[in-house]
Amino acid sequence: MDSCIKHPHEIGINFCGRCGGSWCADCLVYPFGEKKPPLCMTCAMVAAGVRTAAERPALPRKELKRLSKEAK
């Protein structure tokens, strides 16, 4: 797993379920519950409707699945 995008000194614990970036525990939230994939703070704001565009574009579902398999 790569280091966190925002905090390079921290190890990323999971990928964002929208943009696919590697994030640490402080940067990830579970807005839809523990059973759904986590989102980074920026993508969570987009999902909630607070922002209209994220800094990082959304990845296709196939790419997100591939990243998830590689992490396991």
PDB file of N, CA and C in Angstrom:
ATOM      1  N   MET A   1       0.858  -1.171   0.000  1.00  0.00           N
ATOM      2  CA  MET A   1       0.000   0.000   0.000  1.00  0.00           C
ATOM      3  C   MET A   1       0.904   1.234   0.000  1.00  0.00           C
ATOM      4  N   ASP A   2       0.519   2.220  -0.756  1.00  0.00           N
ATOM      5  CA  ASP A   2       1.288   3.461  -0.854  1.00  0.00           C
ATOM      6  C   ASP A   2       1.082   4.326   0.381  1.00  0.00           C
ATOM      7  N   SER A   3       1.825   5.411   0.451  1.00  0.00           N
ATOM      8  CA  SER A   3       1.630   6.352   1.548  1.00  0.00           C
ATOM      9  C   SER A   3       0.407   7.227   1.249  1.00  0.00           C
ATOM     10  N   CYS A   4      -0.075   7.892   2.280  1.00  0.00           N
ATOM     11  CA  CYS A   4      -1.246   8.767   2.158  1.00  0.00           C
ATOM     12  C   CYS A   4      -0.927   9.932   1.223  1.00  0.00           C
ATOM     13  N   ILE A   5      -1.885  10.331   0.428  1.00  0.00           N
ATOM     14  CA  ILE A   5      -1.681  11.431  -0.517  1.00  0.00           C
ATOM     15  C   ILE A   5      -1.477  12.750   0.221  1.00  0.00           C
ATOM     16  N   LYS A   6      -2.252  12.988   1.254  1.00  0.00           N
ATOM     17  CA  LYS A   6      -2.181  14.249   2.001  1.00  0.00           C
ATOM     18  C   LYS A   6      -1.066  14.237   3.044  1.00  0.00           C
ATOM     19  N   HIS A   7      -0.835  13.090   3.667  1.00  0.00           N
ATOM     20  CA  HIS A   7       0.189  12.949   4.697  1.00  0.00           C
ATOM     21  C   HIS A   7       1.219  11.918   4.237  1.00  0.00           C
ATOM     22  N   PRO A   8       2.266  12.321   3.527  1.00  0.00           N
ATOM     23  CA  PRO A   8       3.221  11.362   2.967  1.00  0.00           C
ATOM     24  C   PRO A   8       3.977  10.543   4.014  1.00  0.00           C
ATOM     25  N   HIS A   9       4.016  11.001   5.256  1.00  0.00           N
ATOM     26  CA  HIS A   9       4.714  10.259   6.303  1.00  0.00           C
ATOM     27  C   HIS A   9       3.858   9.142   6.901  1.00  0.00           C
ATOM     28  N   GLU A  10       2.566   9.104   6.577  1.00  0.00           N
ATOM     29  CA  GLU A  10       1.654   8.067   7.063  1.00  0.00           C
ATOM     30  C   GLU A  10       1.439   7.009   5.982  1.00  0.00           C
ATOM     31  N   ILE A  11       1.261   5.761   6.388  1.00  0.00           N
ATOM     32  CA  ILE A  11       0.974   4.685   5.443  1.00  0.00           C
ATOM     33  C   ILE A  11      -0.523   4.677   5.156  1.00  0.00           C
ATOM     34  N   GLY A  12      -0.876   4.566   3.892  1.00  0.00           N
ATOM     35  CA  GLY A  12      -2.283   4.499   3.512  1.00  0.00           C
ATOM     36  C   GLY A  12      -2.899   3.186   3.970  1.00  0.00           C
ATOM     37  N   ILE A  13      -4.071   3.256   4.599  1.00  0.00           N
ATOM     38  CA  ILE A  13      -4.700   2.033   5.094  1.00  0.00           C
ATOM     39  C   ILE A  13      -5.727   1.472   4.122  1.00  0.00           C
ATOM     40  N   ASN A  14      -6.256   2.335   3.240  1.00  0.00           N
ATOM     41  CA  ASN A  14      -7.289   1.894   2.304  1.00  0.00           C
ATOM     42  C   ASN A  14      -7.365   2.874   1.145  1.00  0.00           C
ATOM     43  N   PHE A  15      -8.106   2.462   0.117  1.00  0.00           N
ATOM     44  CA  PHE A  15      -8.320   3.315  -1.047  1.00  0.00           C
ATOM     45  C   PHE A  15      -9.674   3.994  -0.952  1.00  0.00           C
ATOM     46  N   CYS A  16      -9.778   5.186  -1.538  1.00  0.00           N
ATOM     47  CA  CYS A  16     -11.057   5.888  -1.621  1.00  0.00           C
ATOM     48  C   CYS A  16     -11.952   5.130  -2.603  1.00  0.00           C
ATOM     49  N   GLY A  17     -13.208   4.980  -2.269  1.00  0.00           N
ATOM     50  CA  GLY A  17     -14.144   4.257  -3.118  1.00  0.00           C
ATOM     51  C   GLY A  17     -14.585   5.029  -4.341  1.00  0.00           C
ATOM     52  N   ARG A  18     -14.158   6.270  -4.496  1.00  0.00           N
ATOM     53  CA  ARG A  18     -14.532   7.074  -5.656  1.00  0.00           C
ATOM     54  C   ARG A  18     -13.320   7.427  -6.520  1.00  0.00           C
ATOM     55  N   CYS A  19     -12.280   7.994  -5.914  1.00  0.00           N
ATOM     56  CA  CYS A  19     -11.128   8.440  -6.702  1.00  0.00           C
ATOM     57  C   CYS A  19     -10.000   7.419  -6.741  1.00  0.00           C
ATOM     58  N   GLY A  20     -10.009   6.436  -5.820  1.00  0.00           N
ATOM     59  CA  GLY A  20      -9.007   5.383  -5.834  1.00  0.00           C
ATOM     60  C   GLY A  20      -7.678   5.746  -5.206  1.00  0.00           C
ATOM     61  N   GLY A  21      -7.604   6.916  -4.572  1.00  0.00           N
ATOM     62  CA  GLY A  21      -6.357   7.327  -3.937  1.00  0.00           C
ATOM     63  C   GLY A  21      -6.095   6.573  -2.641  1.00  0.00           C
ATOM     64  N   SER A  22      -4.836   6.440  -2.280  1.00  0.00           N
ATOM     65  CA  SER A  22      -4.442   5.789  -1.037  1.00  0.00           C
ATOM     66  C   SER A  22      -4.455   6.826   0.076  1.00  0.00           C
ATOM     67  N   TRP A  23      -5.192   6.548   1.170  1.00  0.00           N
ATOM     68  CA  TRP A  23      -5.371   7.515   2.252  1.00  0.00           C
ATOM     69  C   TRP A  23      -5.132   6.869   3.603  1.00  0.00           C
ATOM     70  N   CYS A  24      -4.734   7.680   4.580  1.00  0.00           N
ATOM     71  CA  CYS A  24      -4.528   7.194   5.956  1.00  0.00           C
ATOM     72  C   CYS A  24      -5.868   7.208   6.705  1.00  0.00           C
ATOM     73  N   ALA A  25      -5.850   6.737   7.936  1.00  0.00           N
ATOM     74  CA  ALA A  25      -7.077   6.638   8.736  1.00  0.00           C
ATOM     75  C   ALA A  25      -7.680   8.007   9.034  1.00  0.00           C
ATOM     76  N   ASP A  26      -6.857   9.043   9.145  1.00  0.00           N
ATOM     77  CA  ASP A  26      -7.370  10.383   9.441  1.00  0.00           C
ATOM     78  C   ASP A  26      -8.094  11.006   8.251  1.00  0.00           C
ATOM     79  N   CYS A  27      -7.797  10.561   7.048  1.00  0.00           N
ATOM     80  CA  CYS A  27      -8.366  11.162   5.836  1.00  0.00           C
ATOM     81  C   CYS A  27      -9.594  10.429   5.303  1.00  0.00           C
ATOM     82  N   LEU A  28      -9.859   9.217   5.781  1.00  0.00           N
ATOM     83  CA  LEU A  28     -10.982   8.429   5.273  1.00  0.00           C
ATOM     84  C   LEU A  28     -12.195   8.528   6.187  1.00  0.00           C
ATOM     85  N   VAL A  29     -13.368   8.551   5.576  1.00  0.00           N
ATOM     86  CA  VAL A  29     -14.638   8.535   6.315  1.00  0.00           C
ATOM     87  C   VAL A  29     -15.530   7.458   5.704  1.00  0.00           C
ATOM     88  N   TYR A  30     -16.490   7.001   6.477  1.00  0.00           N
ATOM     89  CA  TYR A  30     -17.448   5.992   6.023  1.00  0.00           C
ATOM     90  C   TYR A  30     -18.838   6.627   6.014  1.00  0.00           C
ATOM     91  N   PRO A  31     -19.164   7.455   5.003  1.00  0.00           N
ATOM     92  CA  PRO A  31     -20.440   8.171   5.007  1.00  0.00           C
ATOM     93  C   PRO A  31     -21.662   7.274   4.794  1.00  0.00           C
ATOM     94  N   PHE A  32     -21.478   6.097   4.219  1.00  0.00           N
ATOM     95  CA  PHE A  32     -22.601   5.203   3.941  1.00  0.00           C
ATOM     96  C   PHE A  32     -22.580   3.955   4.815  1.00  0.00           C
ATOM     97  N   GLY A  33     -21.762   3.958   5.873  1.00  0.00           N
ATOM     98  CA  GLY A  33     -21.683   2.823   6.780  1.00  0.00           C
ATOM     99  C   GLY A  33     -20.433   2.001   6.561  1.00  0.00           C
ATOM    100  N   GLU A  34     -20.181   1.102   7.492  1.00  0.00           N
ATOM    101  CA  GLU A  34     -18.961   0.287   7.470  1.00  0.00           C
ATOM    102  C   GLU A  34     -18.936  -0.738   6.339  1.00  0.00           C
ATOM    103  N   LYS A  35     -20.101  -1.127   5.814  1.00  0.00           N
ATOM    104  CA  LYS A  35     -20.143  -2.147   4.766  1.00  0.00           C
ATOM    105  C   LYS A  35     -19.804  -1.596   3.381  1.00  0.00           C
ATOM    106  N   LYS A  36     -19.938  -0.305   3.199  1.00  0.00           N
ATOM    107  CA  LYS A  36     -19.609   0.336   1.925  1.00  0.00           C
ATOM    108  C   LYS A  36     -18.162   0.800   1.950  1.00  0.00           C
ATOM    109  N   PRO A  37     -17.538   0.986   0.787  1.00  0.00           N
ATOM    110  CA  PRO A  37     -16.137   1.426   0.775  1.00  0.00           C
ATOM    111  C   PRO A  37     -16.001   2.846   1.337  1.00  0.00           C
ATOM    112  N   PRO A  38     -14.864   3.136   1.972  1.00  0.00           N
ATOM    113  CA  PRO A  38     -14.652   4.482   2.518  1.00  0.00           C
ATOM    114  C   PRO A  38     -14.408   5.491   1.413  1.00  0.00           C
ATOM    115  N   LEU A  39     -14.578   6.756   1.752  1.00  0.00           N
ATOM    116  CA  LEU A  39     -14.313   7.851   0.835  1.00  0.00           C
ATOM    117  C   LEU A  39     -13.336   8.819   1.491  1.00  0.00           C
ATOM    118  N   CYS A  40     -12.521   9.478   0.681  1.00  0.00           N
ATOM    119  CA  CYS A  40     -11.675  10.541   1.218  1.00  0.00           C
ATOM    120  C   CYS A  40     -12.577  11.736   1.513  1.00  0.00           C
ATOM    121  N   MET A  41     -12.084  12.693   2.249  1.00  0.00           N
ATOM    122  CA  MET A  41     -12.904  13.827   2.668  1.00  0.00           C
ATOM    123  C   MET A  41     -13.457  14.605   1.465  1.00  0.00           C
ATOM    124  N   THR A  42     -12.644  14.809   0.445  1.00  0.00           N
ATOM    125  CA  THR A  42     -13.085  15.565  -0.729  1.00  0.00           C
ATOM    126  C   THR A  42     -14.205  14.837  -1.466  1.00  0.00           C
ATOM    127  N   CYS A  43     -14.051  13.541  -1.676  1.00  0.00           N
ATOM    128  CA  CYS A  43     -15.079  12.769  -2.379  1.00  0.00           C
ATOM    129  C   CYS A  43     -16.343  12.637  -1.531  1.00  0.00           C
ATOM    130  N   ALA A  44     -16.196  12.602  -0.206  1.00  0.00           N
ATOM    131  CA  ALA A  44     -17.366  12.552   0.672  1.00  0.00           C
ATOM    132  C   ALA A  44     -18.167  13.849   0.566  1.00  0.00           C
ATOM    133  N   MET A  45     -17.481  14.971   0.417  1.00  0.00           N
ATOM    134  CA  MET A  45     -18.168  16.267   0.248  1.00  0.00           C
ATOM    135  C   MET A  45     -18.935  16.294  -1.071  1.00  0.00           C
ATOM    136  N   VAL A  46     -18.364  15.708  -2.110  1.00  0.00           N
ATOM    137  CA  VAL A  46     -19.038  15.638  -3.408  1.00  0.00           C
ATOM    138  C   VAL A  46     -20.259  14.729  -3.301  1.00  0.00           C
ATOM    139  N   ALA A  47     -20.106  13.582  -2.627  1.00  0.00           N
ATOM    140  CA  ALA A  47     -21.215  12.639  -2.478  1.00  0.00           C
ATOM    141  C   ALA A  47     -22.351  13.240  -1.662  1.00  0.00           C
ATOM    142  N   ALA A  48     -22.016  14.108  -0.709  1.00  0.00           N
ATOM    143  CA  ALA A  48     -23.038  14.743   0.129  1.00  0.00           C
ATOM    144  C   ALA A  48     -23.697  15.926  -0.555  1.00  0.00           C
ATOM    145  N   GLY A  49     -23.117  16.400  -1.649  1.00  0.00           N
ATOM    146  CA  GLY A  49     -23.694  17.532  -2.370  1.00  0.00           C
ATOM    147  C   GLY A  49     -23.186  18.874  -1.895  1.00  0.00           C
ATOM    148  N   VAL A  50     -22.172  18.888  -1.042  1.00  0.00           N
ATOM    149  CA  VAL A  50     -21.616  20.140  -0.534  1.00  0.00           C
ATOM    150  C   VAL A  50     -20.759  20.801  -1.604  1.00  0.00           C
ATOM    151  N   ARG A  51     -20.010  19.986  -2.346  1.00  0.00           N
ATOM    152  CA  ARG A  51     -19.190  20.480  -3.456  1.00  0.00           C
ATOM    153  C   ARG A  51     -19.681  19.871  -4.749  1.00  0.00           C
ATOM    154  N   THR A  52     -19.411  20.563  -5.838  1.00  0.00           N
ATOM    155  CA  THR A  52     -19.869  20.062  -7.129  1.00  0.00           C
ATOM    156  C   THR A  52     -18.794  19.290  -7.872  1.00  0.00           C
ATOM    157  N   ALA A  53     -17.537  19.528  -7.548  1.00  0.00           N
ATOM    158  CA  ALA A  53     -16.450  18.808  -8.223  1.00  0.00           C
ATOM    159  C   ALA A  53     -15.352  18.498  -7.226  1.00  0.00           C
ATOM    160  N   ALA A  54     -14.728  17.368  -7.409  1.00  0.00           N
ATOM    161  CA  ALA A  54     -13.638  16.955  -6.532  1.00  0.00           C
ATOM    162  C   ALA A  54     -12.302  17.327  -7.162  1.00  0.00           C
ATOM    163  N   GLU A  55     -11.258  17.344  -6.334  1.00  0.00           N
ATOM    164  CA  GLU A  55      -9.911  17.614  -6.835  1.00  0.00           C
ATOM    165  C   GLU A  55      -9.430  16.495  -7.739  1.00  0.00           C
ATOM    166  N   ARG A  56      -9.797  15.263  -7.385  1.00  0.00           N
ATOM    167  CA  ARG A  56      -9.381  14.090  -8.150  1.00  0.00           C
ATOM    168  C   ARG A  56     -10.603  13.515  -8.864  1.00  0.00           C
ATOM    169  N   PRO A  57     -10.477  13.175 -10.139  1.00  0.00           N
ATOM    170  CA  PRO A  57     -11.621  12.600 -10.862  1.00  0.00           C
ATOM    171  C   PRO A  57     -11.958  11.193 -10.376  1.00  0.00           C
ATOM    172  N   ALA A  58     -13.202  10.815 -10.556  1.00  0.00           N
ATOM    173  CA  ALA A  58     -13.656   9.476 -10.161  1.00  0.00           C
ATOM    174  C   ALA A  58     -13.084   8.434 -11.120  1.00  0.00           C
ATOM    175  N   LEU A  59     -12.678   7.307 -10.566  1.00  0.00           N
ATOM    176  CA  LEU A  59     -12.176   6.195 -11.373  1.00  0.00           C
ATOM    177  C   LEU A  59     -13.325   5.289 -11.790  1.00  0.00           C
ATOM    178  N   PRO A  60     -13.196   4.623 -12.922  1.00  0.00           N
ATOM    179  CA  PRO A  60     -14.214   3.640 -13.318  1.00  0.00           C
ATOM    180  C   PRO A  60     -14.269   2.485 -12.318  1.00  0.00           C
ATOM    181  N   ARG A  61     -15.419   1.824 -12.230  1.00  0.00           N
ATOM    182  CA  ARG A  61     -15.613   0.726 -11.270  1.00  0.00           C
ATOM    183  C   ARG A  61     -14.625  -0.422 -11.487  1.00  0.00           C
ATOM    184  N   LYS A  62     -14.301  -0.720 -12.732  1.00  0.00           N
ATOM    185  CA  LYS A  62     -13.344  -1.796 -13.006  1.00  0.00           C
ATOM    186  C   LYS A  62     -11.981  -1.485 -12.404  1.00  0.00           C
ATOM    187  N   GLU A  63     -11.571  -0.247 -12.510  1.00  0.00           N
ATOM    188  CA  GLU A  63     -10.283   0.161 -11.956  1.00  0.00           C
ATOM    189  C   GLU A  63     -10.300   0.098 -10.428  1.00  0.00           C
ATOM    190  N   LEU A  64     -11.406   0.503  -9.817  1.00  0.00           N
ATOM    191  CA  LEU A  64     -11.530   0.427  -8.355  1.00  0.00           C
ATOM    192  C   LEU A  64     -11.501  -1.013  -7.868  1.00  0.00           C
ATOM    193  N   LYS A  65     -12.149  -1.921  -8.598  1.00  0.00           N
ATOM    194  CA  LYS A  65     -12.121  -3.341  -8.234  1.00  0.00           C
ATOM    195  C   LYS A  65     -10.704  -3.902  -8.342  1.00  0.00           C
ATOM    196  N   ARG A  66      -9.987  -3.503  -9.377  1.00  0.00           N
ATOM    197  CA  ARG A  66      -8.613  -3.966  -9.546  1.00  0.00           C
ATOM    198  C   ARG A  66      -7.743  -3.499  -8.393  1.00  0.00           C
ATOM    199  N   LEU A  67      -7.884  -2.233  -7.973  1.00  0.00           N
ATOM    200  CA  LEU A  67      -7.120  -1.724  -6.843  1.00  0.00           C
ATOM    201  C   LEU A  67      -7.458  -2.473  -5.556  1.00  0.00           C
ATOM    202  N   SER A  68      -8.719  -2.794  -5.391  1.00  0.00           N
ATOM    203  CA  SER A  68      -9.155  -3.529  -4.198  1.00  0.00           C
ATOM    204  C   SER A  68      -8.557  -4.925  -4.167  1.00  0.00           C
ATOM    205  N   LYS A  69      -8.502  -5.592  -5.310  1.00  0.00           N
ATOM    206  CA  LYS A  69      -7.905  -6.938  -5.362  1.00  0.00           C
ATOM    207  C   LYS A  69      -6.415  -6.890  -5.103  1.00  0.00           C
ATOM    208  N   GLU A  70      -5.737  -5.880  -5.611  1.00  0.00           N
ATOM    209  CA  GLU A  70      -4.304  -5.749  -5.393  1.00  0.00           C
ATOM    210  C   GLU A  70      -3.985  -5.502  -3.923  1.00  0.00           C
ATOM    211  N   ALA A  71      -4.852  -4.777  -3.227  1.00  0.00           N
ATOM    212  CA  ALA A  71      -4.618  -4.457  -1.818  1.00  0.00           C
ATOM    213  C   ALA A  71      -4.738  -5.709  -0.949  1.00  0.00           C
ATOM    214  N   LYS A  72      -5.590  -6.653  -1.366  1.00  0.00           N
ATOM    215  CA  LYS A  72      -5.781  -7.868  -0.591  1.00  0.00           C
ATOM    216  C   LYS A  72      -4.687  -8.823  -0.914  1.00  0.00           C
TER     217      LYS A  72
END
